């Protein structure tokens, strides 16, 4: 659970950030992955984000600095995933509120993103009803244009874009969200849904893989003489 001292700047424990992410929403986006998840869905590809003591704490202002930079570099949106972002609701609310203000400044006449439509997409494993029953979670989602809700269920694969299992729902919440996502509500995707980025001594995968896509990737890498160790989707 988060611990935000009174009068202190909120901090969010995160696993990582990356720009540009091109597989978690339309266009080129800043991705922020929250650290810590109490839901622990079987088959999750991001088990390394479960431990609430993993990752690192970042102030909201430091994360906003990355958002400002992404906006200046042409970002089409912000995607917050995890881990479980709503396990840190107060800090998440503060981050998204400031992200909306930064977007308004950037898209105003004369701003670095003037005239562009830029959205905020939030992933949560909680169901809509679970969010609505919790005051802190409900407050945290107020500034999101779109939600993806629901536990990941490995036994319910889907080809629906940006969702990992058929039970998950893509939920526009604002006029901006409807304008950008209505055409994607029932859209399916047949090609690869992963973006591979080489880090310092590791390879990072961003996106929502199709069923069997991770195993197929490992086979291709083995044929190329590359063996993965410490894959985040293995127990």
Protein backbone atom coordinates (compact mmCIF):
# COMPACT_ATOMS: atom_id res chain seq x y z
CA UNK A 1 0.00 0.00 0.00
CA UNK A 2 1.13 3.55 -0.64
CA UNK A 3 2.27 5.84 2.13
CA UNK A 4 1.97 9.52 1.25
CA UNK A 5 2.94 11.74 4.22
CA UNK A 6 0.72 14.77 4.83
CA UNK A 7 1.92 17.83 2.89
CA UNK A 8 4.62 15.80 1.12
CA UNK A 9 4.69 15.56 -2.65
CA UNK A 10 2.98 12.33 -3.72
CA UNK A 11 5.24 9.56 -4.93
CA UNK A 12 4.35 6.65 -7.18
CA UNK A 13 6.26 3.39 -7.06
CA UNK A 14 6.91 2.38 -10.66
CA UNK A 15 8.63 -0.39 -12.54
CA UNK A 16 9.69 1.66 -15.57
CA UNK A 17 8.77 4.27 -18.15
CA UNK A 18 9.35 4.31 -21.88
CA UNK A 19 8.78 6.56 -24.87
CA UNK A 20 7.67 5.84 -27.50
CA UNK A 21 5.38 2.90 -26.79
CA UNK A 22 3.41 1.94 -29.91
CA UNK A 23 1.46 -1.13 -28.75
CA UNK A 24 -0.67 0.17 -25.84
CA UNK A 25 -3.06 2.63 -27.43
CA UNK A 26 -3.11 4.65 -30.64
CA UNK A 27 0.04 6.35 -31.84
CA UNK A 28 3.33 6.98 -30.05
CA UNK A 29 2.84 7.16 -26.30
CA UNK A 30 4.61 7.59 -22.99
CA UNK A 31 4.21 4.38 -21.00
CA UNK A 32 4.37 4.34 -17.19
CA UNK A 33 4.22 0.97 -15.42
CA UNK A 34 3.21 1.02 -11.77
CA UNK A 35 5.04 -1.34 -9.41
CA UNK A 36 3.06 -3.65 -7.13
CA UNK A 37 0.02 -5.78 -7.86
CA UNK A 38 -2.11 -7.64 -5.36
CA UNK A 39 -4.23 -9.30 -8.05
CA UNK A 40 -1.46 -11.58 -9.38
CA UNK A 41 -3.33 -12.97 -12.39
CA UNK A 42 -2.15 -16.41 -13.49
CA UNK A 43 -0.26 -16.22 -16.79
CA UNK A 44 0.63 -12.53 -16.42
CA UNK A 45 3.61 -11.55 -18.60
CA UNK A 46 4.75 -8.93 -16.06
CA UNK A 47 5.31 -10.85 -12.85
CA UNK A 48 8.31 -8.62 -12.14
CA UNK A 49 5.84 -5.79 -11.44
CA UNK A 50 3.97 -7.65 -8.68
CA UNK A 51 6.30 -7.02 -5.74
CA UNK A 52 5.21 -3.74 -4.05
CA UNK A 53 8.78 -3.27 -2.81
CA UNK A 54 10.29 -3.62 -6.28
CA UNK A 55 10.91 -0.85 -8.76
CA UNK A 56 11.60 2.63 -7.42
CA UNK A 57 9.63 5.55 -5.99
CA UNK A 58 9.29 8.63 -8.18
CA UNK A 59 7.73 11.96 -7.32
CA UNK A 60 4.80 13.07 -9.39
CA UNK A 61 6.85 16.04 -10.59
CA UNK A 62 9.63 13.79 -11.88
CA UNK A 63 7.14 11.70 -13.84
CA UNK A 64 5.53 14.86 -15.17
CA UNK A 65 8.93 15.90 -16.44
CA UNK A 66 8.94 12.78 -18.60
CA UNK A 67 5.41 13.58 -19.79
CA UNK A 68 6.41 17.13 -20.75
CA UNK A 69 9.37 15.74 -22.67
CA UNK A 70 7.18 13.17 -24.45
CA UNK A 71 4.66 15.86 -25.41
CA UNK A 72 7.45 17.97 -26.86
CA UNK A 73 8.62 14.94 -28.86
CA UNK A 74 5.20 14.33 -30.42
CA UNK A 75 3.48 11.97 -28.00
CA UNK A 76 -0.07 11.00 -28.97
CA UNK A 77 -1.00 9.86 -25.49
CA UNK A 78 -0.10 8.59 -22.02
CA UNK A 79 -0.66 4.96 -21.04
CA UNK A 80 -0.45 3.91 -17.38
CA UNK A 81 -0.31 0.18 -16.76
CA UNK A 82 1.38 -2.10 -14.26
CA UNK A 83 1.50 -3.82 -11.93
CA UNK A 84 -1.78 -2.41 -10.67
CA UNK A 85 -1.95 1.39 -10.80
CA UNK A 86 -5.09 1.52 -8.63
CA UNK A 87 -3.20 -0.06 -5.73
CA UNK A 88 -1.67 3.44 -5.38
CA UNK A 89 -4.82 5.51 -5.90
CA UNK A 90 -3.92 8.82 -4.22
CA UNK A 91 -0.59 9.17 -6.01
CA UNK A 92 -2.15 8.06 -9.29
CA UNK A 93 -4.90 10.66 -8.96
CA UNK A 94 -2.28 13.35 -8.40
CA UNK A 95 -0.26 12.20 -11.41
CA UNK A 96 -3.20 12.06 -13.80
CA UNK A 97 -4.59 15.41 -12.66
CA UNK A 98 -1.25 17.06 -13.36
CA UNK A 99 -0.91 15.15 -16.64
CA UNK A 100 -4.23 16.63 -17.81
CA UNK A 101 -3.06 20.14 -16.91
CA UNK A 102 0.23 19.60 -18.75
CA UNK A 103 -1.68 18.35 -21.80
CA UNK A 104 -3.89 21.45 -21.79
CA UNK A 105 -0.84 23.71 -21.72
CA UNK A 106 0.93 21.73 -24.45
CA UNK A 107 -2.06 21.66 -26.81
CA UNK A 108 -2.98 25.33 -26.36
CA UNK A 109 -2.13 27.73 -29.21
CA UNK A 110 1.60 28.20 -29.29
CA UNK A 111 2.26 25.06 -27.26
CA UNK A 112 4.50 22.21 -28.45
CA UNK A 113 1.45 20.02 -29.17
CA UNK A 114 -0.94 22.75 -30.31
CA UNK A 115 -4.11 21.41 -31.92
CA UNK A 116 -3.31 17.72 -31.37
CA UNK A 117 -5.70 15.21 -29.79
CA UNK A 118 -3.84 13.50 -26.95
CA UNK A 119 -5.48 10.97 -24.63
CA UNK A 120 -4.81 9.30 -21.29
CA UNK A 121 -5.36 5.52 -21.13
CA UNK A 122 -5.35 3.63 -17.83
CA UNK A 123 -5.13 -0.15 -17.42
CA UNK A 124 -6.53 -1.81 -14.30
CA UNK A 125 -7.18 -5.41 -13.38
CA UNK A 126 -10.12 -4.34 -11.24
CA UNK A 127 -13.62 -4.62 -12.63
CA UNK A 128 -15.63 -1.45 -13.18
CA UNK A 129 -17.86 -2.35 -10.23
CA UNK A 130 -14.85 -2.80 -7.94
CA UNK A 131 -13.57 0.63 -8.92
CA UNK A 132 -16.93 2.29 -8.35
CA UNK A 133 -17.30 0.73 -4.87
CA UNK A 134 -14.00 2.25 -3.71
CA UNK A 135 -13.86 6.03 -3.22
CA UNK A 136 -10.09 6.29 -3.68
CA UNK A 137 -10.08 4.25 -6.87
CA UNK A 138 -13.05 6.18 -8.23
CA UNK A 139 -11.22 9.44 -7.62
CA UNK A 140 -8.07 8.13 -9.28
CA UNK A 141 -9.78 7.37 -12.61
CA UNK A 142 -11.50 10.76 -12.95
CA UNK A 143 -8.82 12.14 -15.23
CA UNK A 144 -8.47 9.11 -17.52
CA UNK A 145 -10.07 9.37 -20.95
CA UNK A 146 -10.20 5.59 -21.35
CA UNK A 147 -9.99 2.55 -19.09
CA UNK A 148 -9.16 -1.06 -19.80
CA UNK A 149 -10.73 -3.05 -16.96
CA UNK A 150 -10.75 -6.65 -15.78
CA UNK A 151 -8.44 -9.42 -14.64
CA UNK A 152 -6.24 -11.12 -17.21
CA UNK A 153 -7.63 -14.63 -17.82
CA UNK A 154 -5.18 -16.83 -19.68
CA UNK A 155 -7.96 -19.25 -20.64
CA UNK A 156 -9.96 -16.57 -22.50
CA UNK A 157 -7.70 -15.40 -25.34
CA UNK A 158 -8.82 -12.57 -27.60
CA UNK A 159 -7.75 -10.84 -30.77
CA UNK A 160 -9.30 -7.56 -29.59
CA UNK A 161 -6.71 -4.83 -29.82
CA UNK A 162 -4.96 -3.73 -26.57
CA UNK A 163 -6.68 -6.40 -24.46
CA UNK A 164 -5.16 -9.59 -23.12
CA UNK A 165 -8.30 -11.66 -22.57
CA UNK A 166 -11.87 -11.63 -23.87
CA UNK A 167 -13.38 -10.52 -20.55
CA UNK A 168 -11.45 -7.25 -20.47
CA UNK A 169 -13.33 -4.12 -21.49
CA UNK A 170 -12.16 -0.99 -23.29
CA UNK A 171 -14.18 1.84 -21.74
CA UNK A 172 -14.07 5.41 -23.10
CA UNK A 173 -15.00 7.87 -20.35
CA UNK A 174 -14.74 11.32 -21.93
CA UNK A 175 -15.66 12.92 -25.24
CA UNK A 176 -11.98 12.77 -26.15
CA UNK A 177 -11.88 9.08 -25.23
CA UNK A 178 -14.93 8.28 -27.39
CA UNK A 179 -13.53 10.24 -30.32
CA UNK A 180 -10.21 8.39 -30.25
CA UNK A 181 -11.31 4.88 -29.25
CA UNK A 182 -14.80 4.25 -30.60
CA UNK A 183 -13.43 2.71 -33.78
CA UNK A 184 -11.24 0.36 -31.71
CA UNK A 185 -13.91 -1.07 -29.37
CA UNK A 186 -14.45 -4.17 -31.52
CA UNK A 187 -11.30 -3.96 -33.66
CA UNK A 188 -9.16 -7.08 -33.84
CA UNK A 189 -5.52 -7.41 -34.77
CA UNK A 190 -3.93 -10.44 -36.40
CA UNK A 191 -0.25 -9.44 -36.41
CA UNK A 192 2.33 -9.26 -33.61
CA UNK A 193 1.24 -7.10 -30.70
CA UNK A 194 4.61 -6.72 -29.00
CA UNK A 195 7.25 -4.03 -29.28
CA UNK A 196 10.79 -5.16 -28.48
CA UNK A 197 13.27 -2.68 -27.03
CA UNK A 198 16.86 -3.49 -26.13
CA UNK A 199 17.92 -2.19 -22.73
CA UNK A 200 21.22 -2.38 -20.88
CA UNK A 201 21.74 -6.11 -20.66
CA UNK A 202 18.11 -7.00 -21.21
CA UNK A 203 15.28 -6.99 -23.72
CA UNK A 204 11.96 -5.38 -22.85
CA UNK A 205 8.64 -6.22 -24.41
CA UNK A 206 5.81 -3.69 -24.50
CA UNK A 207 2.28 -4.59 -25.47
CA UNK A 208 -0.37 -7.26 -24.98
CA UNK A 209 0.74 -10.54 -26.58
CA UNK A 210 -1.57 -12.89 -28.40
CA UNK A 211 -1.86 -16.41 -27.00
CA UNK A 212 1.36 -18.28 -27.83
CA UNK A 213 3.17 -15.15 -29.05
CA UNK A 214 5.73 -15.19 -26.21
CA UNK A 215 6.54 -18.87 -26.78
CA UNK A 216 6.89 -18.24 -30.51
CA UNK A 217 9.24 -15.35 -29.80
CA UNK A 218 11.42 -17.54 -27.59
CA UNK A 219 11.62 -20.16 -30.34
CA UNK A 220 12.69 -17.57 -32.90
CA UNK A 221 15.35 -16.25 -30.56
CA UNK A 222 16.68 -19.75 -29.86
CA UNK A 223 17.01 -20.38 -33.57
CA UNK A 224 19.07 -17.18 -33.70
CA UNK A 225 21.29 -18.46 -30.89
CA UNK A 226 19.72 -16.29 -28.17
CA UNK A 227 18.39 -17.81 -24.95
CA UNK A 228 16.23 -15.77 -22.60
CA UNK A 229 16.96 -15.97 -18.89
CA UNK A 230 14.79 -14.50 -16.16
CA UNK A 231 11.76 -14.02 -18.41
CA UNK A 232 9.19 -11.95 -16.54
CA UNK A 233 6.28 -14.26 -17.44
CA UNK A 234 7.74 -17.32 -15.71
CA UNK A 235 7.15 -18.18 -12.03
